[in-house]
Amino acid sequence: MEENQNFGTEGLNSMELMDQLKIKTESLYKEFQSLSSGVSIMDEKLKRTEYFVEQNLKELKEKVGNVKVGISPEDLRQLETYKDYFNHYKPLLYVSLFVILSGWGLGIFSALSGVKWYKESVRTKQEIRTDVLQEIKTQGNMIIDTQTFLNYREQSEALKAWQKSNPKESESFTNYFKQYQKLNKEKK
């Protein structure tokens, strides 16, 4: 360790060493003074800031403390008139709400009843249609197309007209037709 302490001082005499020490001490002293003045400046700025913040807080407390919330007598009178106004029209409001709700209820009931009636109506029509067709069938009748019926009628009238105009020739057809009907009755 002694070598390290002697390393910087080797070759210097004591006077030179004293001079260097004075220079270094003065420079350290100046540095200390500049740091001290910087700290004192910072302390002064901190105190001013603290004072400024305290003043602003004090002003804010005074302003907020002076604020009063209240309702003026005129506003109170206006509120009272609204209260009376509402009490006057309260029954009308309730009646209106009752009518609206009744209307909705009646509408829903009507819609559901209509749907039920329609379903029942369709079912009834189908049952009646089935009954009518069954009755026609039991009576030995049938439903045919109008055009087919008209064609059959026209053919029948033409055949009757031919029988009147050709009675001798139509005898063979009449005999054939009677035998044809007899065969059909036997098949059934």
N, C-alpha and C. Protein backbone atom coordinates (compact mmCIF):
# COMPACT_ATOMS: atom_id res chain seq x y z
N MET A 1 0.81 -1.19 0.00
CA MET A 1 0.00 0.00 0.00
C MET A 1 0.85 1.25 0.00
N GLU A 2 1.90 1.16 0.60
CA GLU A 2 2.78 2.32 0.66
C GLU A 2 3.31 2.65 -0.71
N GLU A 3 3.46 1.66 -1.54
CA GLU A 3 3.92 1.91 -2.90
C GLU A 3 2.90 2.77 -3.64
N ASN A 4 1.63 2.55 -3.45
CA ASN A 4 0.59 3.33 -4.13
C ASN A 4 0.60 4.77 -3.66
N GLN A 5 0.85 5.00 -2.37
CA GLN A 5 0.85 6.37 -1.86
C GLN A 5 2.11 7.09 -2.34
N ASN A 6 3.15 6.43 -2.46
CA ASN A 6 4.41 7.04 -2.86
C ASN A 6 4.49 7.18 -4.37
N PHE A 7 3.66 6.48 -5.11
CA PHE A 7 3.73 6.48 -6.56
C PHE A 7 3.51 7.88 -7.12
N GLY A 8 2.52 8.65 -6.60
CA GLY A 8 2.22 9.98 -7.11
C GLY A 8 3.20 11.01 -6.58
N THR A 9 3.92 10.71 -5.56
CA THR A 9 4.78 11.71 -4.94
C THR A 9 6.25 11.45 -5.23
N GLU A 10 6.60 10.43 -5.92
CA GLU A 10 8.00 10.14 -6.23
C GLU A 10 8.58 11.23 -7.11
N GLY A 11 9.63 11.66 -6.84
CA GLY A 11 10.34 12.63 -7.64
C GLY A 11 9.91 14.05 -7.35
N LEU A 12 9.03 14.28 -6.41
CA LEU A 12 8.59 15.62 -6.07
C LEU A 12 9.17 15.98 -4.70
N ASN A 13 9.54 17.17 -4.57
CA ASN A 13 10.04 17.56 -3.25
C ASN A 13 8.88 18.09 -2.43
N SER A 14 9.11 18.40 -1.20
CA SER A 14 8.04 18.75 -0.29
C SER A 14 7.42 20.09 -0.64
N MET A 15 8.13 21.00 -1.21
CA MET A 15 7.58 22.30 -1.59
C MET A 15 6.60 22.15 -2.74
N GLU A 16 7.00 21.38 -3.68
CA GLU A 16 6.11 21.15 -4.83
C GLU A 16 4.85 20.40 -4.37
N LEU A 17 5.10 19.52 -3.47
CA LEU A 17 3.97 18.76 -2.92
C LEU A 17 3.04 19.70 -2.17
N MET A 18 3.53 20.64 -1.43
CA MET A 18 2.72 21.61 -0.70
C MET A 18 1.96 22.49 -1.67
N ASP A 19 2.59 22.89 -2.71
CA ASP A 19 1.93 23.75 -3.70
C ASP A 19 0.75 22.99 -4.37
N GLN A 20 1.01 21.79 -4.72
CA GLN A 20 -0.06 20.99 -5.33
C GLN A 20 -1.22 20.78 -4.36
N LEU A 21 -0.86 20.56 -3.11
CA LEU A 21 -1.89 20.37 -2.10
C LEU A 21 -2.74 21.65 -1.93
N LYS A 22 -2.12 22.80 -1.95
CA LYS A 22 -2.84 24.07 -1.82
C LYS A 22 -3.78 24.26 -3.02
N ILE A 23 -3.27 23.96 -4.18
CA ILE A 23 -4.08 24.14 -5.41
C ILE A 23 -5.30 23.20 -5.36
N LYS A 24 -5.04 21.97 -4.99
CA LYS A 24 -6.13 21.00 -4.93
C LYS A 24 -7.13 21.41 -3.84
N THR A 25 -6.64 21.89 -2.71
CA THR A 25 -7.52 22.28 -1.61
C THR A 25 -8.37 23.47 -2.03
N GLU A 26 -7.77 24.44 -2.70
CA GLU A 26 -8.52 25.62 -3.17
C GLU A 26 -9.58 25.20 -4.19
N SER A 27 -9.19 24.33 -5.07
CA SER A 27 -10.17 23.87 -6.07
C SER A 27 -11.31 23.11 -5.42
N LEU A 28 -11.00 22.28 -4.41
CA LEU A 28 -12.05 21.58 -3.67
C LEU A 28 -12.92 22.57 -2.90
N TYR A 29 -12.31 23.60 -2.34
CA TYR A 29 -13.06 24.60 -1.60
C TYR A 29 -14.03 25.34 -2.54
N LYS A 30 -13.54 25.72 -3.73
CA LYS A 30 -14.40 26.41 -4.71
C LYS A 30 -15.57 25.49 -5.14
N GLU A 31 -15.23 24.24 -5.34
CA GLU A 31 -16.26 23.27 -5.74
C GLU A 31 -17.30 23.14 -4.62
N PHE A 32 -16.81 23.11 -3.36
CA PHE A 32 -17.71 23.00 -2.22
C PHE A 32 -18.62 24.23 -2.14
N GLN A 33 -18.03 25.41 -2.37
CA GLN A 33 -18.82 26.64 -2.32
C GLN A 33 -19.87 26.67 -3.44
N SER A 34 -19.49 26.23 -4.63
CA SER A 34 -20.46 26.23 -5.74
C SER A 34 -21.59 25.22 -5.44
N LEU A 35 -21.21 24.08 -4.86
CA LEU A 35 -22.25 23.10 -4.50
C LEU A 35 -23.14 23.65 -3.38
N SER A 36 -22.53 24.33 -2.40
CA SER A 36 -23.30 24.91 -1.31
C SER A 36 -24.25 25.97 -1.83
N SER A 37 -23.77 26.80 -2.75
CA SER A 37 -24.64 27.84 -3.30
C SER A 37 -25.76 27.20 -4.14
N GLY A 38 -25.44 26.10 -4.86
CA GLY A 38 -26.47 25.39 -5.64
C GLY A 38 -27.53 24.80 -4.72
N VAL A 39 -27.09 24.26 -3.60
CA VAL A 39 -28.03 23.68 -2.64
C VAL A 39 -28.88 24.78 -2.03
N SER A 40 -28.27 25.90 -1.72
CA SER A 40 -29.04 26.99 -1.12
C SER A 40 -30.04 27.55 -2.13
N ILE A 41 -29.65 27.62 -3.41
CA ILE A 41 -30.58 28.07 -4.45
C ILE A 41 -31.75 27.09 -4.56
N MET A 42 -31.42 25.79 -4.52
CA MET A 42 -32.46 24.76 -4.59
C MET A 42 -33.38 24.85 -3.37
N ASP A 43 -32.80 25.10 -2.19
CA ASP A 43 -33.61 25.25 -0.98
C ASP A 43 -34.55 26.45 -1.12
N GLU A 44 -34.03 27.53 -1.66
CA GLU A 44 -34.84 28.73 -1.83
C GLU A 44 -36.00 28.47 -2.83
N LYS A 45 -35.69 27.80 -3.94
CA LYS A 45 -36.74 27.48 -4.93
C LYS A 45 -37.77 26.53 -4.32
N LEU A 46 -37.32 25.58 -3.54
CA LEU A 46 -38.24 24.65 -2.89
C LEU A 46 -39.16 25.38 -1.92
N LYS A 47 -38.60 26.31 -1.17
CA LYS A 47 -39.42 27.08 -0.22
C LYS A 47 -40.44 27.94 -0.96
N ARG A 48 -40.01 28.56 -2.09
CA ARG A 48 -40.95 29.37 -2.87
C ARG A 48 -42.08 28.50 -3.45
N THR A 49 -41.73 27.33 -3.93
CA THR A 49 -42.74 26.41 -4.48
C THR A 49 -43.69 25.96 -3.39
N GLU A 50 -43.16 25.66 -2.25
CA GLU A 50 -43.98 25.23 -1.12
C GLU A 50 -44.95 26.35 -0.73
N TYR A 51 -44.47 27.56 -0.71
CA TYR A 51 -45.30 28.71 -0.37
C TYR A 51 -46.41 28.89 -1.42
N PHE A 52 -46.02 28.80 -2.68
CA PHE A 52 -46.98 28.94 -3.79
C PHE A 52 -48.09 27.87 -3.69
N VAL A 53 -47.71 26.62 -3.43
CA VAL A 53 -48.69 25.54 -3.31
C VAL A 53 -49.60 25.79 -2.11
N GLU A 54 -49.04 26.21 -1.00
CA GLU A 54 -49.85 26.49 0.19
C GLU A 54 -50.85 27.62 -0.08
N GLN A 55 -50.40 28.66 -0.78
CA GLN A 55 -51.30 29.78 -1.11
C GLN A 55 -52.45 29.32 -2.01
N ASN A 56 -52.11 28.53 -3.00
CA ASN A 56 -53.16 28.03 -3.91
C ASN A 56 -54.15 27.13 -3.18
N LEU A 57 -53.64 26.27 -2.30
CA LEU A 57 -54.53 25.41 -1.52
C LEU A 57 -55.44 26.25 -0.62
N LYS A 58 -54.89 27.27 -0.03
CA LYS A 58 -55.67 28.13 0.85
C LYS A 58 -56.77 28.84 0.05
N GLU A 59 -56.43 29.37 -1.13
CA GLU A 59 -57.44 30.02 -1.99
C GLU A 59 -58.53 29.04 -2.40
N LEU A 60 -58.10 27.84 -2.78
CA LEU A 60 -59.05 26.82 -3.21
C LEU A 60 -60.00 26.45 -2.07
N LYS A 61 -59.47 26.28 -0.86
CA LYS A 61 -60.32 25.96 0.29
C LYS A 61 -61.32 27.08 0.55
N GLU A 62 -60.86 28.33 0.44
CA GLU A 62 -61.75 29.46 0.67
C GLU A 62 -62.86 29.49 -0.38
N LYS A 63 -62.50 29.26 -1.65
CA LYS A 63 -63.50 29.31 -2.72
C LYS A 63 -64.50 28.16 -2.58
N VAL A 64 -64.00 26.98 -2.30
CA VAL A 64 -64.89 25.83 -2.16
C VAL A 64 -65.72 25.96 -0.90
N GLY A 65 -65.16 26.50 0.14
CA GLY A 65 -65.89 26.67 1.39
C GLY A 65 -67.02 27.69 1.25
N ASN A 66 -66.87 28.65 0.35
CA ASN A 66 -67.88 29.69 0.16
C ASN A 66 -69.01 29.26 -0.77
N VAL A 67 -68.82 28.14 -1.45
CA VAL A 67 -69.86 27.68 -2.38
C VAL A 67 -71.01 27.09 -1.56
N LYS A 68 -72.21 27.58 -1.85
CA LYS A 68 -73.39 27.09 -1.16
C LYS A 68 -74.37 26.57 -2.20
N VAL A 69 -74.89 25.39 -1.92
CA VAL A 69 -75.85 24.78 -2.83
C VAL A 69 -77.22 24.92 -2.18
N GLY A 70 -78.14 25.45 -2.94
CA GLY A 70 -79.48 25.63 -2.39
C GLY A 70 -80.48 25.85 -3.51
N ILE A 71 -81.73 25.79 -3.15
CA ILE A 71 -82.80 26.01 -4.10
C ILE A 71 -83.47 27.33 -3.75
N SER A 72 -83.63 28.14 -4.75
CA SER A 72 -84.23 29.45 -4.52
C SER A 72 -85.73 29.29 -4.26
N PRO A 73 -86.33 30.25 -3.59
CA PRO A 73 -87.78 30.18 -3.32
C PRO A 73 -88.60 30.10 -4.62
N GLU A 74 -88.11 30.77 -5.65
CA GLU A 74 -88.82 30.72 -6.93
C GLU A 74 -88.80 29.30 -7.50
N ASP A 75 -87.64 28.64 -7.39
CA ASP A 75 -87.55 27.25 -7.86
C ASP A 75 -88.45 26.34 -7.03
N LEU A 76 -88.53 26.58 -5.73
CA LEU A 76 -89.41 25.79 -4.88
C LEU A 76 -90.87 25.96 -5.30
N ARG A 77 -91.28 27.21 -5.59
CA ARG A 77 -92.65 27.44 -6.05
C ARG A 77 -92.91 26.72 -7.37
N GLN A 78 -91.93 26.74 -8.27
CA GLN A 78 -92.08 26.06 -9.56
C GLN A 78 -92.23 24.56 -9.35
N LEU A 79 -91.42 24.00 -8.45
CA LEU A 79 -91.55 22.57 -8.16
C LEU A 79 -92.91 22.24 -7.57
N GLU A 80 -93.42 23.08 -6.72
CA GLU A 80 -94.74 22.86 -6.13
C GLU A 80 -95.82 22.89 -7.21
N THR A 81 -95.69 23.81 -8.19
CA THR A 81 -96.70 23.84 -9.27
C THR A 81 -96.64 22.56 -10.10
N TYR A 82 -95.44 22.04 -10.33
CA TYR A 82 -95.33 20.78 -11.07
C TYR A 82 -95.94 19.64 -10.27
N LYS A 83 -95.75 19.68 -8.96
CA LYS A 83 -96.32 18.64 -8.11
C LYS A 83 -97.84 18.69 -8.19
N ASP A 84 -98.41 19.88 -8.11
CA ASP A 84 -99.86 20.03 -8.23
C ASP A 84 -100.33 19.62 -9.62
N TYR A 85 -99.57 20.02 -10.63
CA TYR A 85 -99.90 19.67 -12.02
C TYR A 85 -99.92 18.15 -12.19
N PHE A 86 -98.93 17.49 -11.65
CA PHE A 86 -98.86 16.03 -11.75
C PHE A 86 -100.00 15.38 -10.99
N ASN A 87 -100.31 15.86 -9.80
CA ASN A 87 -101.42 15.31 -9.03
C ASN A 87 -102.75 15.51 -9.75
N HIS A 88 -102.88 16.62 -10.46
CA HIS A 88 -104.11 16.91 -11.20
C HIS A 88 -104.29 15.92 -12.36
N TYR A 89 -103.21 15.60 -13.05
CA TYR A 89 -103.28 14.73 -14.22
C TYR A 89 -102.92 13.27 -13.93
N LYS A 90 -102.68 12.95 -12.70
CA LYS A 90 -102.33 11.57 -12.32
C LYS A 90 -103.41 10.57 -12.71
N PRO A 91 -104.69 10.82 -12.42
CA PRO A 91 -105.73 9.86 -12.83
C PRO A 91 -105.77 9.67 -14.35
N LEU A 92 -105.60 10.75 -15.09
CA LEU A 92 -105.59 10.66 -16.55
C LEU A 92 -104.43 9.79 -17.02
N LEU A 93 -103.29 9.92 -16.38
CA LEU A 93 -102.12 9.11 -16.73
C LEU A 93 -102.40 7.63 -16.46
N TYR A 94 -102.98 7.34 -15.32
CA TYR A 94 -103.28 5.95 -14.98
C TYR A 94 -104.33 5.36 -15.93
N VAL A 95 -105.33 6.14 -16.26
CA VAL A 95 -106.35 5.67 -17.19
C VAL A 95 -105.73 5.40 -18.56
N SER A 96 -104.87 6.31 -19.00
CA SER A 96 -104.21 6.12 -20.30
C SER A 96 -103.36 4.85 -20.29
N LEU A 97 -102.61 4.63 -19.24
CA LEU A 97 -101.80 3.41 -19.16
C LEU A 97 -102.69 2.18 -19.14
N PHE A 98 -103.81 2.25 -18.42
CA PHE A 98 -104.74 1.12 -18.38
C PHE A 98 -105.31 0.83 -19.77
N VAL A 99 -105.67 1.88 -20.48
CA VAL A 99 -106.23 1.70 -21.84
C VAL A 99 -105.18 1.10 -22.77
N ILE A 100 -103.97 1.58 -22.69
CA ILE A 100 -102.90 1.06 -23.55
C ILE A 100 -102.65 -0.42 -23.24
N LEU A 101 -102.53 -0.74 -21.96
CA LEU A 101 -102.27 -2.14 -21.60
C LEU A 101 -103.46 -3.03 -21.96
N SER A 102 -104.68 -2.51 -21.77
CA SER A 102 -105.88 -3.28 -22.15
C SER A 102 -105.89 -3.51 -23.66
N GLY A 103 -105.54 -2.50 -24.42
CA GLY A 103 -105.49 -2.62 -25.88
C GLY A 103 -104.50 -3.69 -26.31
N TRP A 104 -103.33 -3.67 -25.69
CA TRP A 104 -102.33 -4.70 -26.01
C TRP A 104 -102.86 -6.09 -25.66
N GLY A 105 -103.46 -6.21 -24.48
CA GLY A 105 -104.00 -7.50 -24.06
C GLY A 105 -105.10 -7.98 -25.01
N LEU A 106 -106.00 -7.07 -25.37
CA LEU A 106 -107.07 -7.42 -26.29
C LEU A 106 -106.52 -7.81 -27.66
N GLY A 107 -105.50 -7.09 -28.11
CA GLY A 107 -104.88 -7.41 -29.41
C GLY A 107 -104.25 -8.80 -29.39
N ILE A 108 -103.54 -9.11 -28.33
CA ILE A 108 -102.90 -10.43 -28.22
C ILE A 108 -103.97 -11.52 -28.14
N PHE A 109 -105.01 -11.28 -27.32
CA PHE A 109 -106.10 -12.25 -27.20
C PHE A 109 -106.78 -12.46 -28.55
N SER A 110 -107.04 -11.38 -29.28
CA SER A 110 -107.69 -11.48 -30.58
C SER A 110 -106.83 -12.25 -31.57
N ALA A 111 -105.55 -11.99 -31.59
CA ALA A 111 -104.65 -12.69 -32.50
C ALA A 111 -104.63 -14.18 -32.20
N LEU A 112 -104.52 -14.54 -30.93
CA LEU A 112 -104.50 -15.96 -30.56
C LEU A 112 -105.83 -16.62 -30.88
N SER A 113 -106.94 -15.93 -30.61
CA SER A 113 -108.26 -16.48 -30.92
C SER A 113 -108.45 -16.65 -32.42
N GLY A 114 -107.98 -15.67 -33.19
CA GLY A 114 -108.08 -15.75 -34.65
C GLY A 114 -107.32 -16.93 -35.21
N VAL A 115 -106.12 -17.14 -34.70
CA VAL A 115 -105.32 -18.28 -35.16
C VAL A 115 -106.02 -19.58 -34.80
N LYS A 116 -106.56 -19.68 -33.60
CA LYS A 116 -107.27 -20.89 -33.18
C LYS A 116 -108.52 -21.11 -34.03
N TRP A 117 -109.29 -20.04 -34.27
CA TRP A 117 -110.50 -20.15 -35.09
C TRP A 117 -110.14 -20.60 -36.50
N TYR A 118 -109.07 -20.05 -37.08
CA TYR A 118 -108.67 -20.42 -38.44
C TYR A 118 -108.31 -21.90 -38.51
N LYS A 119 -107.54 -22.37 -37.54
CA LYS A 119 -107.16 -23.79 -37.53
C LYS A 119 -108.40 -24.68 -37.42
N GLU A 120 -109.32 -24.28 -36.55
CA GLU A 120 -110.56 -25.06 -36.36
C GLU A 120 -111.40 -25.02 -37.63
N SER A 121 -111.46 -23.87 -38.28
CA SER A 121 -112.23 -23.71 -39.50
C SER A 121 -111.69 -24.61 -40.60
N VAL A 122 -110.38 -24.63 -40.76
CA VAL A 122 -109.76 -25.48 -41.77
C VAL A 122 -110.05 -26.94 -41.45
N ARG A 123 -109.94 -27.33 -40.21
CA ARG A 123 -110.19 -28.72 -39.81
C ARG A 123 -111.66 -29.08 -40.08
N THR A 124 -112.57 -28.18 -39.74
CA THR A 124 -114.00 -28.43 -39.96
C THR A 124 -114.30 -28.55 -41.45
N LYS A 125 -113.73 -27.67 -42.25
CA LYS A 125 -113.96 -27.74 -43.69
C LYS A 125 -113.47 -29.07 -44.26
N GLN A 126 -112.35 -29.53 -43.79
CA GLN A 126 -111.83 -30.81 -44.27
C GLN A 126 -112.75 -31.96 -43.85
N GLU A 127 -113.28 -31.90 -42.64
CA GLU A 127 -114.20 -32.94 -42.17
C GLU A 127 -115.48 -32.92 -43.00
N ILE A 128 -116.02 -31.74 -43.25
CA ILE A 128 -117.26 -31.61 -44.04
C ILE A 128 -117.02 -32.12 -45.46
N ARG A 129 -115.90 -31.73 -46.04
CA ARG A 129 -115.56 -32.17 -47.39
C ARG A 129 -115.48 -33.70 -47.43
N THR A 130 -114.87 -34.30 -46.45
CA THR A 130 -114.76 -35.76 -46.39
C THR A 130 -116.14 -36.38 -46.25
N ASP A 131 -117.00 -35.80 -45.40
CA ASP A 131 -118.37 -36.31 -45.22
C ASP A 131 -119.18 -36.23 -46.51
N VAL A 132 -119.09 -35.09 -47.20
CA VAL A 132 -119.84 -34.91 -48.45
C VAL A 132 -119.38 -35.91 -49.50
N LEU A 133 -118.08 -36.08 -49.64
CA LEU A 133 -117.56 -37.04 -50.63
C LEU A 133 -117.98 -38.46 -50.27
N GLN A 134 -117.99 -38.77 -48.99
CA GLN A 134 -118.42 -40.09 -48.54
C GLN A 134 -119.90 -40.32 -48.86
N GLU A 135 -120.74 -39.32 -48.64
CA GLU A 135 -122.17 -39.41 -48.92
C GLU A 135 -122.43 -39.59 -50.41
N ILE A 136 -121.70 -38.84 -51.23
CA ILE A 136 -121.85 -38.97 -52.69
C ILE A 136 -121.50 -40.38 -53.12
N LYS A 137 -120.44 -40.92 -52.54
CA LYS A 137 -120.00 -42.27 -52.88
C LYS A 137 -121.03 -43.32 -52.45
N THR A 138 -121.61 -43.16 -51.25
CA THR A 138 -122.59 -44.13 -50.77
C THR A 138 -123.87 -44.09 -51.60
N GLN A 139 -124.20 -42.96 -52.18
CA GLN A 139 -125.40 -42.85 -53.02
C GLN A 139 -125.15 -43.40 -54.43
N GLY A 140 -123.92 -43.75 -54.69
CA GLY A 140 -123.59 -44.31 -56.00
C GLY A 140 -123.27 -43.24 -57.03
N ASN A 141 -123.07 -42.05 -56.59
CA ASN A 141 -122.73 -40.95 -57.51
C ASN A 141 -121.22 -40.71 -57.48
N MET A 142 -120.80 -39.92 -58.46
CA MET A 142 -119.38 -39.56 -58.49
C MET A 142 -119.21 -38.14 -59.02
N ILE A 143 -118.09 -37.59 -58.76
CA ILE A 143 -117.78 -36.23 -59.22
C ILE A 143 -116.87 -36.37 -60.42
N ILE A 144 -117.28 -35.72 -61.52
CA ILE A 144 -116.45 -35.75 -62.74
C ILE A 144 -116.21 -34.33 -63.20
N ASP A 145 -115.29 -34.22 -64.11
CA ASP A 145 -114.94 -32.92 -64.68
C ASP A 145 -116.10 -32.42 -65.54
N THR A 146 -116.36 -31.14 -65.55
CA THR A 146 -117.47 -30.55 -66.31
C THR A 146 -117.31 -30.84 -67.80
N GLN A 147 -116.13 -30.71 -68.31
CA GLN A 147 -115.91 -30.94 -69.75
C GLN A 147 -116.19 -32.39 -70.11
N THR A 148 -115.82 -33.31 -69.24
CA THR A 148 -116.09 -34.73 -69.49
C THR A 148 -117.59 -34.96 -69.51
N PHE A 149 -118.32 -34.36 -68.56
CA PHE A 149 -119.78 -34.49 -68.50
C PHE A 149 -120.42 -33.95 -69.78
N LEU A 150 -119.95 -32.78 -70.22
CA LEU A 150 -120.51 -32.19 -71.44
C LEU A 150 -120.24 -33.07 -72.65
N ASN A 151 -119.06 -33.69 -72.71
CA ASN A 151 -118.73 -34.60 -73.82
C ASN A 151 -119.66 -35.81 -73.79
N TYR A 152 -119.90 -36.37 -72.58
CA TYR A 152 -120.80 -37.53 -72.48
C TYR A 152 -122.22 -37.15 -72.93
N ARG A 153 -122.68 -35.99 -72.51
CA ARG A 153 -124.03 -35.54 -72.87
C ARG A 153 -124.16 -35.38 -74.40
N GLU A 154 -123.13 -34.76 -74.98
CA GLU A 154 -123.15 -34.54 -76.43
C GLU A 154 -123.18 -35.88 -77.18
N GLN A 155 -122.37 -36.83 -76.71
CA GLN A 155 -122.34 -38.15 -77.35
C GLN A 155 -123.70 -38.84 -77.20
N SER A 156 -124.34 -38.72 -76.02
CA SER A 156 -125.65 -39.33 -75.77
C SER A 156 -126.70 -38.72 -76.69
N GLU A 157 -126.71 -37.42 -76.80
CA GLU A 157 -127.69 -36.75 -77.67
C GLU A 157 -127.48 -37.13 -79.13
N ALA A 158 -126.21 -37.24 -79.54
CA ALA A 158 -125.91 -37.64 -80.93
C ALA A 158 -126.41 -39.07 -81.17
N LEU A 159 -126.21 -39.93 -80.19
CA LEU A 159 -126.65 -41.33 -80.32
C LEU A 159 -128.18 -41.41 -80.40
N LYS A 160 -128.91 -40.63 -79.56
CA LYS A 160 -130.37 -40.62 -79.59
C LYS A 160 -130.88 -40.09 -80.94
N ALA A 161 -130.23 -39.06 -81.43
CA ALA A 161 -130.63 -38.50 -82.73
C ALA A 161 -130.40 -39.54 -83.84
N TRP A 162 -129.33 -40.28 -83.78
CA TRP A 162 -129.04 -41.32 -84.78
C TRP A 162 -130.08 -42.43 -84.69
N GLN A 163 -130.48 -42.82 -83.43
CA GLN A 163 -131.49 -43.87 -83.26
C GLN A 163 -132.84 -43.44 -83.86
N LYS A 164 -133.20 -42.19 -83.72
CA LYS A 164 -134.47 -41.69 -84.28
C LYS A 164 -134.41 -41.68 -85.80
N SER A 165 -133.29 -41.30 -86.34
CA SER A 165 -133.21 -41.20 -87.79
C SER A 165 -133.00 -42.56 -88.45
N ASN A 166 -132.42 -43.54 -87.75
CA ASN A 166 -132.17 -44.88 -88.28
C ASN A 166 -132.71 -45.92 -87.31
N PRO A 167 -134.01 -46.12 -87.24
CA PRO A 167 -134.56 -47.03 -86.25
C PRO A 167 -134.19 -48.49 -86.54
N LYS A 168 -134.08 -48.92 -87.78
CA LYS A 168 -133.77 -50.32 -88.09
C LYS A 168 -132.32 -50.63 -87.75
N GLU A 169 -131.45 -49.76 -88.07
CA GLU A 169 -130.02 -49.99 -87.82
C GLU A 169 -129.71 -49.85 -86.33
N SER A 170 -130.49 -49.06 -85.66
CA SER A 170 -130.23 -48.83 -84.25
C SER A 170 -130.69 -49.99 -83.37
N GLU A 171 -131.53 -50.89 -83.93
CA GLU A 171 -131.99 -52.04 -83.17
C GLU A 171 -130.83 -52.93 -82.77
N SER A 172 -129.92 -53.15 -83.65
CA SER A 172 -128.76 -53.99 -83.33
C SER A 172 -127.90 -53.34 -82.24
N PHE A 173 -127.78 -52.02 -82.28
CA PHE A 173 -127.02 -51.31 -81.23
C PHE A 173 -127.74 -51.43 -79.90
N THR A 174 -129.09 -51.31 -79.90
CA THR A 174 -129.88 -51.38 -78.68
C THR A 174 -129.73 -52.77 -78.06
N ASN A 175 -129.78 -53.81 -78.87
CA ASN A 175 -129.60 -55.18 -78.36
C ASN A 175 -128.19 -55.35 -77.78
N TYR A 176 -127.20 -54.85 -78.49
CA TYR A 176 -125.81 -54.95 -78.02
C TYR A 176 -125.67 -54.23 -76.69
N PHE A 177 -126.28 -53.06 -76.57
CA PHE A 177 -126.16 -52.25 -75.35
C PHE A 177 -126.81 -52.96 -74.16
N LYS A 178 -128.00 -53.59 -74.37
CA LYS A 178 -128.69 -54.31 -73.30
C LYS A 178 -127.85 -55.49 -72.82
N GLN A 179 -127.23 -56.23 -73.74
CA GLN A 179 -126.38 -57.37 -73.35
C GLN A 179 -125.13 -56.88 -72.60
N TYR A 180 -124.60 -55.78 -73.05
CA TYR A 180 -123.42 -55.18 -72.40
C TYR A 180 -123.75 -54.81 -70.95
N GLN A 181 -124.92 -54.21 -70.71
CA GLN A 181 -125.34 -53.84 -69.36
C GLN A 181 -125.55 -55.08 -68.49
N LYS A 182 -126.12 -56.11 -69.08
CA LYS A 182 -126.37 -57.35 -68.35
C LYS A 182 -125.06 -57.99 -67.91
N LEU A 183 -124.05 -58.00 -68.78
CA LEU A 183 -122.72 -58.57 -68.45
C LEU A 183 -122.05 -57.76 -67.34
N ASN A 184 -122.18 -56.48 -67.40
CA ASN A 184 -121.55 -55.62 -66.37
C ASN A 184 -122.20 -55.85 -65.00
N LYS A 185 -123.53 -56.06 -64.96
CA LYS A 185 -124.23 -56.32 -63.69
C LYS A 185 -123.80 -57.66 -63.11
N GLU A 186 -123.56 -58.63 -63.94
CA GLU A 186 -123.13 -59.95 -63.48
C GLU A 186 -121.71 -59.90 -62.93
N LYS A 187 -120.87 -59.07 -63.49
CA LYS A 187 -119.46 -58.97 -63.03
C LYS A 187 -119.38 -58.36 -61.63
N LYS A 188 -120.31 -57.52 -61.35
CA LYS A 188 -120.27 -56.80 -60.07
C LYS A 188 -120.84 -57.70 -59.03
